[in-house]
């Protein structure tokens, strides 16, 4: 099992990756997920421990499965 910090980094990287693939801003993702823009930034930087409810909101807003946000990927660092 991964440490808390590693899982937060992985989740944040995947949120950023899928957000960029949709070509949307943190603000737009926050709007779609009904969350605050600064909260999205904190998640992408692995500064927040996110709840299951908010994981579901973000996955739905990004149009991906929850497990996609928790998977290791070769393309996790898309810029």
PDB file of N, CA and C in Angstrom:
ATOM      1  N   UNK A   1       0.840  -1.189   0.000  1.00  0.00           N
ATOM      2  CA  UNK A   1       0.000   0.000   0.000  1.00  0.00           C
ATOM      3  C   UNK A   1       0.878   1.243   0.000  1.00  0.00           C
ATOM      4  N   UNK A   2       0.447   2.258  -0.730  1.00  0.00           N
ATOM      5  CA  UNK A   2       1.223   3.481  -0.829  1.00  0.00           C
ATOM      6  C   UNK A   2       1.044   4.344   0.407  1.00  0.00           C
ATOM      7  N   UNK A   3       2.050   5.154   0.714  1.00  0.00           N
ATOM      8  CA  UNK A   3       1.889   6.092   1.819  1.00  0.00           C
ATOM      9  C   UNK A   3       0.884   7.167   1.429  1.00  0.00           C
ATOM     10  N   UNK A   4       0.374   7.859   2.434  1.00  0.00           N
ATOM     11  CA  UNK A   4      -0.631   8.896   2.192  1.00  0.00           C
ATOM     12  C   UNK A   4      -0.115   9.940   1.207  1.00  0.00           C
ATOM     13  N   UNK A   5       1.111  10.364   1.401  1.00  0.00           N
ATOM     14  CA  UNK A   5       1.657  11.411   0.534  1.00  0.00           C
ATOM     15  C   UNK A   5       1.756  10.938  -0.921  1.00  0.00           C
ATOM     16  N   UNK A   6       2.194   9.707  -1.138  1.00  0.00           N
ATOM     17  CA  UNK A   6       2.329   9.188  -2.497  1.00  0.00           C
ATOM     18  C   UNK A   6       0.977   9.111  -3.204  1.00  0.00           C
ATOM     19  N   UNK A   7      -0.049   8.664  -2.512  1.00  0.00           N
ATOM     20  CA  UNK A   7      -1.375   8.553  -3.125  1.00  0.00           C
ATOM     21  C   UNK A   7      -1.939   9.937  -3.441  1.00  0.00           C
ATOM     22  N   UNK A   8      -1.659  10.917  -2.595  1.00  0.00           N
ATOM     23  CA  UNK A   8      -2.118  12.284  -2.872  1.00  0.00           C
ATOM     24  C   UNK A   8      -1.404  12.846  -4.093  1.00  0.00           C
ATOM     25  N   UNK A   9      -0.111  12.572  -4.215  1.00  0.00           N
ATOM     26  CA  UNK A   9       0.641  13.016  -5.400  1.00  0.00           C
ATOM     27  C   UNK A   9       0.096  12.373  -6.662  1.00  0.00           C
ATOM     28  N   UNK A  10      -0.124  11.067  -6.614  1.00  0.00           N
ATOM     29  CA  UNK A  10      -0.654  10.352  -7.767  1.00  0.00           C
ATOM     30  C   UNK A  10      -2.019  10.890  -8.171  1.00  0.00           C
ATOM     31  N   UNK A  11      -2.896  11.068  -7.194  1.00  0.00           N
ATOM     32  CA  UNK A  11      -4.233  11.575  -7.477  1.00  0.00           C
ATOM     33  C   UNK A  11      -4.149  12.973  -8.088  1.00  0.00           C
ATOM     34  N   UNK A  12      -3.348  13.846  -7.503  1.00  0.00           N
ATOM     35  CA  UNK A  12      -3.206  15.203  -8.014  1.00  0.00           C
ATOM     36  C   UNK A  12      -2.659  15.247  -9.425  1.00  0.00           C
ATOM     37  N   UNK A  13      -1.660  14.410  -9.695  1.00  0.00           N
ATOM     38  CA  UNK A  13      -1.090  14.353 -11.047  1.00  0.00           C
ATOM     39  C   UNK A  13      -2.139  13.896 -12.060  1.00  0.00           C
ATOM     40  N   UNK A  14      -2.936  12.917 -11.677  1.00  0.00           N
ATOM     41  CA  UNK A  14      -3.959  12.417 -12.594  1.00  0.00           C
ATOM     42  C   UNK A  14      -5.080  13.431 -12.802  1.00  0.00           C
ATOM     43  N   UNK A  15      -5.471  14.147 -11.763  1.00  0.00           N
ATOM     44  CA  UNK A  15      -6.470  15.204 -11.933  1.00  0.00           C
ATOM     45  C   UNK A  15      -5.948  16.234 -12.933  1.00  0.00           C
ATOM     46  N   UNK A  16      -4.709  16.659 -12.748  1.00  0.00           N
ATOM     47  CA  UNK A  16      -4.104  17.640 -13.656  1.00  0.00           C
ATOM     48  C   UNK A  16      -4.050  17.095 -15.079  1.00  0.00           C
ATOM     49  N   UNK A  17      -3.642  15.827 -15.232  1.00  0.00           N
ATOM     50  CA  UNK A  17      -3.537  15.214 -16.560  1.00  0.00           C
ATOM     51  C   UNK A  17      -4.887  15.220 -17.275  1.00  0.00           C
ATOM     52  N   UNK A  18      -5.926  14.725 -16.603  1.00  0.00           N
ATOM     53  CA  UNK A  18      -7.235  14.644 -17.261  1.00  0.00           C
ATOM     54  C   UNK A  18      -7.848  16.023 -17.476  1.00  0.00           C
ATOM     55  N   UNK A  19      -7.566  16.949 -16.583  1.00  0.00           N
ATOM     56  CA  UNK A  19      -8.061  18.319 -16.768  1.00  0.00           C
ATOM     57  C   UNK A  19      -7.431  18.932 -18.010  1.00  0.00           C
ATOM     58  N   UNK A  20      -6.145  18.734 -18.168  1.00  0.00           N
ATOM     59  CA  UNK A  20      -5.446  19.284 -19.336  1.00  0.00           C
ATOM     60  C   UNK A  20      -5.872  18.592 -20.625  1.00  0.00           C
ATOM     61  N   UNK A  21      -6.164  17.294 -20.547  1.00  0.00           N
ATOM     62  CA  UNK A  21      -6.661  16.595 -21.734  1.00  0.00           C
ATOM     63  C   UNK A  21      -8.003  17.167 -22.193  1.00  0.00           C
ATOM     64  N   UNK A  22      -8.815  17.628 -21.231  1.00  0.00           N
ATOM     65  CA  UNK A  22     -10.084  18.280 -21.574  1.00  0.00           C
ATOM     66  C   UNK A  22      -9.883  19.749 -21.952  1.00  0.00           C
ATOM     67  N   UNK A  23      -8.654  20.239 -21.772  1.00  0.00           N
ATOM     68  CA  UNK A  23      -8.312  21.629 -22.059  1.00  0.00           C
ATOM     69  C   UNK A  23      -9.198  22.595 -21.265  1.00  0.00           C
ATOM     70  N   UNK A  24      -9.333  22.312 -19.958  1.00  0.00           N
ATOM     71  CA  UNK A  24     -10.110  23.202 -19.094  1.00  0.00           C
ATOM     72  C   UNK A  24      -9.221  23.707 -17.958  1.00  0.00           C
ATOM     73  N   UNK A  25      -9.575  24.848 -17.433  1.00  0.00           N
ATOM     74  CA  UNK A  25      -8.840  25.460 -16.330  1.00  0.00           C
ATOM     75  C   UNK A  25      -9.237  24.810 -15.003  1.00  0.00           C
ATOM     76  N   UNK A  26      -8.448  25.102 -13.974  1.00  0.00           N
ATOM     77  CA  UNK A  26      -8.830  24.675 -12.628  1.00  0.00           C
ATOM     78  C   UNK A  26     -10.176  25.282 -12.253  1.00  0.00           C
ATOM     79  N   UNK A  27     -10.377  26.507 -12.652  1.00  0.00           N
ATOM     80  CA  UNK A  27     -11.640  27.180 -12.360  1.00  0.00           C
ATOM     81  C   UNK A  27     -12.824  26.471 -13.019  1.00  0.00           C
ATOM     82  N   UNK A  28     -12.663  26.057 -14.267  1.00  0.00           N
ATOM     83  CA  UNK A  28     -13.734  25.352 -14.966  1.00  0.00           C
ATOM     84  C   UNK A  28     -13.988  23.979 -14.325  1.00  0.00           C
ATOM     85  N   UNK A  29     -12.923  23.272 -13.972  1.00  0.00           N
ATOM     86  CA  UNK A  29     -13.096  21.991 -13.292  1.00  0.00           C
ATOM     87  C   UNK A  29     -13.834  22.190 -11.971  1.00  0.00           C
ATOM     88  N   UNK A  30     -13.439  23.197 -11.226  1.00  0.00           N
ATOM     89  CA  UNK A  30     -14.101  23.486  -9.953  1.00  0.00           C
ATOM     90  C   UNK A  30     -15.586  23.753 -10.161  1.00  0.00           C
ATOM     91  N   UNK A  31     -15.898  24.524 -11.183  1.00  0.00           N
ATOM     92  CA  UNK A  31     -17.303  24.822 -11.493  1.00  0.00           C
ATOM     93  C   UNK A  31     -18.066  23.541 -11.819  1.00  0.00           C
ATOM     94  N   UNK A  32     -17.498  22.703 -12.672  1.00  0.00           N
ATOM     95  CA  UNK A  32     -18.152  21.451 -13.066  1.00  0.00           C
ATOM     96  C   UNK A  32     -18.339  20.502 -11.879  1.00  0.00           C
ATOM     97  N   UNK A  33     -17.372  20.521 -10.944  1.00  0.00           N
ATOM     98  CA  UNK A  33     -17.412  19.614  -9.796  1.00  0.00           C
ATOM     99  C   UNK A  33     -18.122  20.239  -8.587  1.00  0.00           C
ATOM    100  N   UNK A  34     -18.522  21.497  -8.723  1.00  0.00           N
ATOM    101  CA  UNK A  34     -19.154  22.237  -7.620  1.00  0.00           C
ATOM    102  C   UNK A  34     -18.233  22.313  -6.406  1.00  0.00           C
ATOM    103  N   UNK A  35     -16.958  22.647  -6.685  1.00  0.00           N
ATOM    104  CA  UNK A  35     -15.941  22.827  -5.659  1.00  0.00           C
ATOM    105  C   UNK A  35     -15.267  24.177  -5.878  1.00  0.00           C
ATOM    106  N   UNK A  36     -14.452  24.609  -4.930  1.00  0.00           N
ATOM    107  CA  UNK A  36     -13.764  25.897  -5.053  1.00  0.00           C
ATOM    108  C   UNK A  36     -12.488  25.735  -5.875  1.00  0.00           C
ATOM    109  N   UNK A  37     -12.163  26.746  -6.667  1.00  0.00           N
ATOM    110  CA  UNK A  37     -10.976  26.707  -7.526  1.00  0.00           C
ATOM    111  C   UNK A  37      -9.694  26.476  -6.716  1.00  0.00           C
ATOM    112  N   UNK A  38      -9.554  27.130  -5.585  1.00  0.00           N
ATOM    113  CA  UNK A  38      -8.333  26.953  -4.798  1.00  0.00           C
ATOM    114  C   UNK A  38      -8.215  25.529  -4.260  1.00  0.00           C
ATOM    115  N   UNK A  39      -9.345  24.896  -4.008  1.00  0.00           N
ATOM    116  CA  UNK A  39      -9.356  23.506  -3.545  1.00  0.00           C
ATOM    117  C   UNK A  39      -8.807  22.587  -4.637  1.00  0.00           C
ATOM    118  N   UNK A  40      -9.191  22.835  -5.884  1.00  0.00           N
ATOM    119  CA  UNK A  40      -8.677  22.039  -7.012  1.00  0.00           C
ATOM    120  C   UNK A  40      -7.161  22.201  -7.102  1.00  0.00           C
ATOM    121  N   UNK A  41      -6.676  23.416  -6.973  1.00  0.00           N
ATOM    122  CA  UNK A  41      -5.232  23.650  -7.001  1.00  0.00           C
ATOM    123  C   UNK A  41      -4.513  22.912  -5.889  1.00  0.00           C
ATOM    124  N   UNK A  42      -5.095  22.924  -4.710  1.00  0.00           N
ATOM    125  CA  UNK A  42      -4.491  22.227  -3.573  1.00  0.00           C
ATOM    126  C   UNK A  42      -4.475  20.713  -3.802  1.00  0.00           C
ATOM    127  N   UNK A  43      -5.494  20.191  -4.443  1.00  0.00           N
ATOM    128  CA  UNK A  43      -5.540  18.762  -4.756  1.00  0.00           C
ATOM    129  C   UNK A  43      -4.453  18.425  -5.772  1.00  0.00           C
ATOM    130  N   UNK A  44      -4.334  19.239  -6.807  1.00  0.00           N
ATOM    131  CA  UNK A  44      -3.318  18.980  -7.836  1.00  0.00           C
ATOM    132  C   UNK A  44      -1.903  19.062  -7.260  1.00  0.00           C
ATOM    133  N   UNK A  45      -1.707  19.873  -6.240  1.00  0.00           N
ATOM    134  CA  UNK A  45      -0.391  20.004  -5.599  1.00  0.00           C
ATOM    135  C   UNK A  45      -0.226  19.043  -4.421  1.00  0.00           C
ATOM    136  N   UNK A  46      -1.190  18.157  -4.208  1.00  0.00           N
ATOM    137  CA  UNK A  46      -1.164  17.156  -3.134  1.00  0.00           C
ATOM    138  C   UNK A  46      -1.104  17.797  -1.751  1.00  0.00           C
ATOM    139  N   UNK A  47      -1.770  18.931  -1.604  1.00  0.00           N
ATOM    140  CA  UNK A  47      -1.798  19.639  -0.324  1.00  0.00           C
ATOM    141  C   UNK A  47      -3.054  19.332   0.493  1.00  0.00           C
ATOM    142  N   UNK A  48      -4.016  18.669  -0.107  1.00  0.00           N
ATOM    143  CA  UNK A  48      -5.290  18.369   0.557  1.00  0.00           C
ATOM    144  C   UNK A  48      -5.556  16.880   0.527  1.00  0.00           C
ATOM    145  N   UNK A  49      -6.037  16.362   1.643  1.00  0.00           N
ATOM    146  CA  UNK A  49      -6.507  14.984   1.696  1.00  0.00           C
ATOM    147  C   UNK A  49      -7.985  15.028   1.349  1.00  0.00           C
ATOM    148  N   UNK A  50      -8.334  14.472   0.215  1.00  0.00           N
ATOM    149  CA  UNK A  50      -9.660  14.629  -0.374  1.00  0.00           C
ATOM    150  C   UNK A  50     -10.629  13.558   0.130  1.00  0.00           C
ATOM    151  N   UNK A  51     -11.898  13.908   0.227  1.00  0.00           N
ATOM    152  CA  UNK A  51     -12.925  12.954   0.658  1.00  0.00           C
ATOM    153  C   UNK A  51     -13.414  12.125  -0.526  1.00  0.00           C
ATOM    154  N   UNK A  52     -14.032  11.009  -0.211  1.00  0.00           N
ATOM    155  CA  UNK A  52     -14.587  10.153  -1.259  1.00  0.00           C
ATOM    156  C   UNK A  52     -15.662  10.873  -2.062  1.00  0.00           C
ATOM    157  N   UNK A  53     -16.465  11.672  -1.399  1.00  0.00           N
ATOM    158  CA  UNK A  53     -17.521  12.425  -2.091  1.00  0.00           C
ATOM    159  C   UNK A  53     -16.899  13.364  -3.122  1.00  0.00           C
ATOM    160  N   UNK A  54     -15.831  14.048  -2.748  1.00  0.00           N
ATOM    161  CA  UNK A  54     -15.191  14.980  -3.675  1.00  0.00           C
ATOM    162  C   UNK A  54     -14.415  14.260  -4.774  1.00  0.00           C
ATOM    163  N   UNK A  55     -13.891  13.076  -4.468  1.00  0.00           N
ATOM    164  CA  UNK A  55     -13.261  12.266  -5.515  1.00  0.00           C
ATOM    165  C   UNK A  55     -14.291  11.947  -6.591  1.00  0.00           C
ATOM    166  N   UNK A  56     -15.480  11.563  -6.170  1.00  0.00           N
ATOM    167  CA  UNK A  56     -16.543  11.246  -7.126  1.00  0.00           C
ATOM    168  C   UNK A  56     -16.940  12.476  -7.933  1.00  0.00           C
ATOM    169  N   UNK A  57     -17.049  13.627  -7.289  1.00  0.00           N
ATOM    170  CA  UNK A  57     -17.407  14.865  -8.000  1.00  0.00           C
ATOM    171  C   UNK A  57     -16.371  15.191  -9.074  1.00  0.00           C
ATOM    172  N   UNK A  58     -15.099  15.064  -8.725  1.00  0.00           N
ATOM    173  CA  UNK A  58     -14.026  15.387  -9.668  1.00  0.00           C
ATOM    174  C   UNK A  58     -14.001  14.381 -10.815  1.00  0.00           C
ATOM    175  N   UNK A  59     -14.132  13.103 -10.501  1.00  0.00           N
ATOM    176  CA  UNK A  59     -14.156  12.088 -11.562  1.00  0.00           C
ATOM    177  C   UNK A  59     -15.304  12.351 -12.524  1.00  0.00           C
ATOM    178  N   UNK A  60     -16.478  12.651 -11.996  1.00  0.00           N
ATOM    179  CA  UNK A  60     -17.629  12.946 -12.863  1.00  0.00           C
ATOM    180  C   UNK A  60     -17.368  14.184 -13.711  1.00  0.00           C
ATOM    181  N   UNK A  61     -16.792  15.213 -13.110  1.00  0.00           N
ATOM    182  CA  UNK A  61     -16.515  16.452 -13.842  1.00  0.00           C
ATOM    183  C   UNK A  61     -15.479  16.226 -14.947  1.00  0.00           C
ATOM    184  N   UNK A  62     -14.539  15.307 -14.705  1.00  0.00           N
ATOM    185  CA  UNK A  62     -13.510  14.994 -15.701  1.00  0.00           C
ATOM    186  C   UNK A  62     -13.958  13.904 -16.677  1.00  0.00           C
ATOM    187  N   UNK A  63     -15.139  13.341 -16.433  1.00  0.00           N
ATOM    188  CA  UNK A  63     -15.696  12.295 -17.289  1.00  0.00           C
ATOM    189  C   UNK A  63     -14.798  11.058 -17.335  1.00  0.00           C
ATOM    190  N   UNK A  64     -14.273  10.677 -16.147  1.00  0.00           N
ATOM    191  CA  UNK A  64     -13.446   9.482 -16.018  1.00  0.00           C
ATOM    192  C   UNK A  64     -13.966   8.650 -14.847  1.00  0.00           C
ATOM    193  N   UNK A  65     -13.497   7.426 -14.765  1.00  0.00           N
ATOM    194  CA  UNK A  65     -13.827   6.573 -13.628  1.00  0.00           C
ATOM    195  C   UNK A  65     -12.928   6.947 -12.451  1.00  0.00           C
ATOM    196  N   UNK A  66     -13.428   6.741 -11.254  1.00  0.00           N
ATOM    197  CA  UNK A  66     -12.632   7.028 -10.063  1.00  0.00           C
ATOM    198  C   UNK A  66     -11.293   6.299 -10.124  1.00  0.00           C
ATOM    199  N   UNK A  67     -11.305   5.043 -10.535  1.00  0.00           N
ATOM    200  CA  UNK A  67     -10.051   4.286 -10.555  1.00  0.00           C
ATOM    201  C   UNK A  67      -9.022   4.886 -11.502  1.00  0.00           C
ATOM    202  N   UNK A  68      -9.455   5.605 -12.543  1.00  0.00           N
ATOM    203  CA  UNK A  68      -8.514   6.264 -13.451  1.00  0.00           C
ATOM    204  C   UNK A  68      -7.695   7.327 -12.727  1.00  0.00           C
ATOM    205  N   UNK A  69      -8.271   7.920 -11.700  1.00  0.00           N
ATOM    206  CA  UNK A  69      -7.574   8.964 -10.950  1.00  0.00           C
ATOM    207  C   UNK A  69      -6.596   8.391  -9.932  1.00  0.00           C
ATOM    208  N   UNK A  70      -6.623   7.071  -9.761  1.00  0.00           N
ATOM    209  CA  UNK A  70      -5.758   6.419  -8.785  1.00  0.00           C
ATOM    210  C   UNK A  70      -4.724   5.501  -9.424  1.00  0.00           C
ATOM    211  N   UNK A  71      -4.735   5.423 -10.746  1.00  0.00           N
ATOM    212  CA  UNK A  71      -3.816   4.529 -11.472  1.00  0.00           C
ATOM    213  C   UNK A  71      -2.511   5.230 -11.806  1.00  0.00           C
ATOM    214  N   UNK A  72      -1.446   4.453 -11.745  1.00  0.00           N
ATOM    215  CA  UNK A  72      -0.159   4.927 -12.266  1.00  0.00           C
ATOM    216  C   UNK A  72      -0.239   4.918 -13.776  1.00  0.00           C
ATOM    217  N   UNK A  73       0.335   5.919 -14.404  1.00  0.00           N
ATOM    218  CA  UNK A  73       0.275   6.031 -15.856  1.00  0.00           C
ATOM    219  C   UNK A  73       1.595   6.561 -16.374  1.00  0.00           C
ATOM    220  N   UNK A  74       1.991   6.094 -17.547  1.00  0.00           N
ATOM    221  CA  UNK A  74       3.199   6.606 -18.196  1.00  0.00           C
ATOM    222  C   UNK A  74       3.037   8.066 -18.584  1.00  0.00           C
ATOM    223  N   UNK A  75       1.772   8.495 -18.751  1.00  0.00           N
ATOM    224  CA  UNK A  75       1.509   9.861 -19.194  1.00  0.00           C
ATOM    225  C   UNK A  75       1.039  10.765 -18.055  1.00  0.00           C
ATOM    226  N   UNK A  76       1.374  10.422 -16.819  1.00  0.00           N
ATOM    227  CA  UNK A  76       0.884  11.186 -15.664  1.00  0.00           C
ATOM    228  C   UNK A  76       1.444  12.601 -15.629  1.00  0.00           C
ATOM    229  N   UNK A  77       2.505  12.869 -16.373  1.00  0.00           N
ATOM    230  CA  UNK A  77       3.110  14.207 -16.325  1.00  0.00           C
ATOM    231  C   UNK A  77       2.909  14.974 -17.625  1.00  0.00           C
ATOM    232  N   UNK A  78       1.754  14.853 -18.225  1.00  0.00           N
ATOM    233  CA  UNK A  78       1.438  15.612 -19.438  1.00  0.00           C
ATOM    234  C   UNK A  78       1.436  17.089 -19.103  1.00  0.00           C
ATOM    235  N   UNK A  79       2.101  17.884 -19.911  1.00  0.00           N
ATOM    236  CA  UNK A  79       2.117  19.340 -19.680  1.00  0.00           C
ATOM    237  C   UNK A  79       1.561  19.973 -20.879  1.00  0.00           C
TER     238      UNK A  79
END
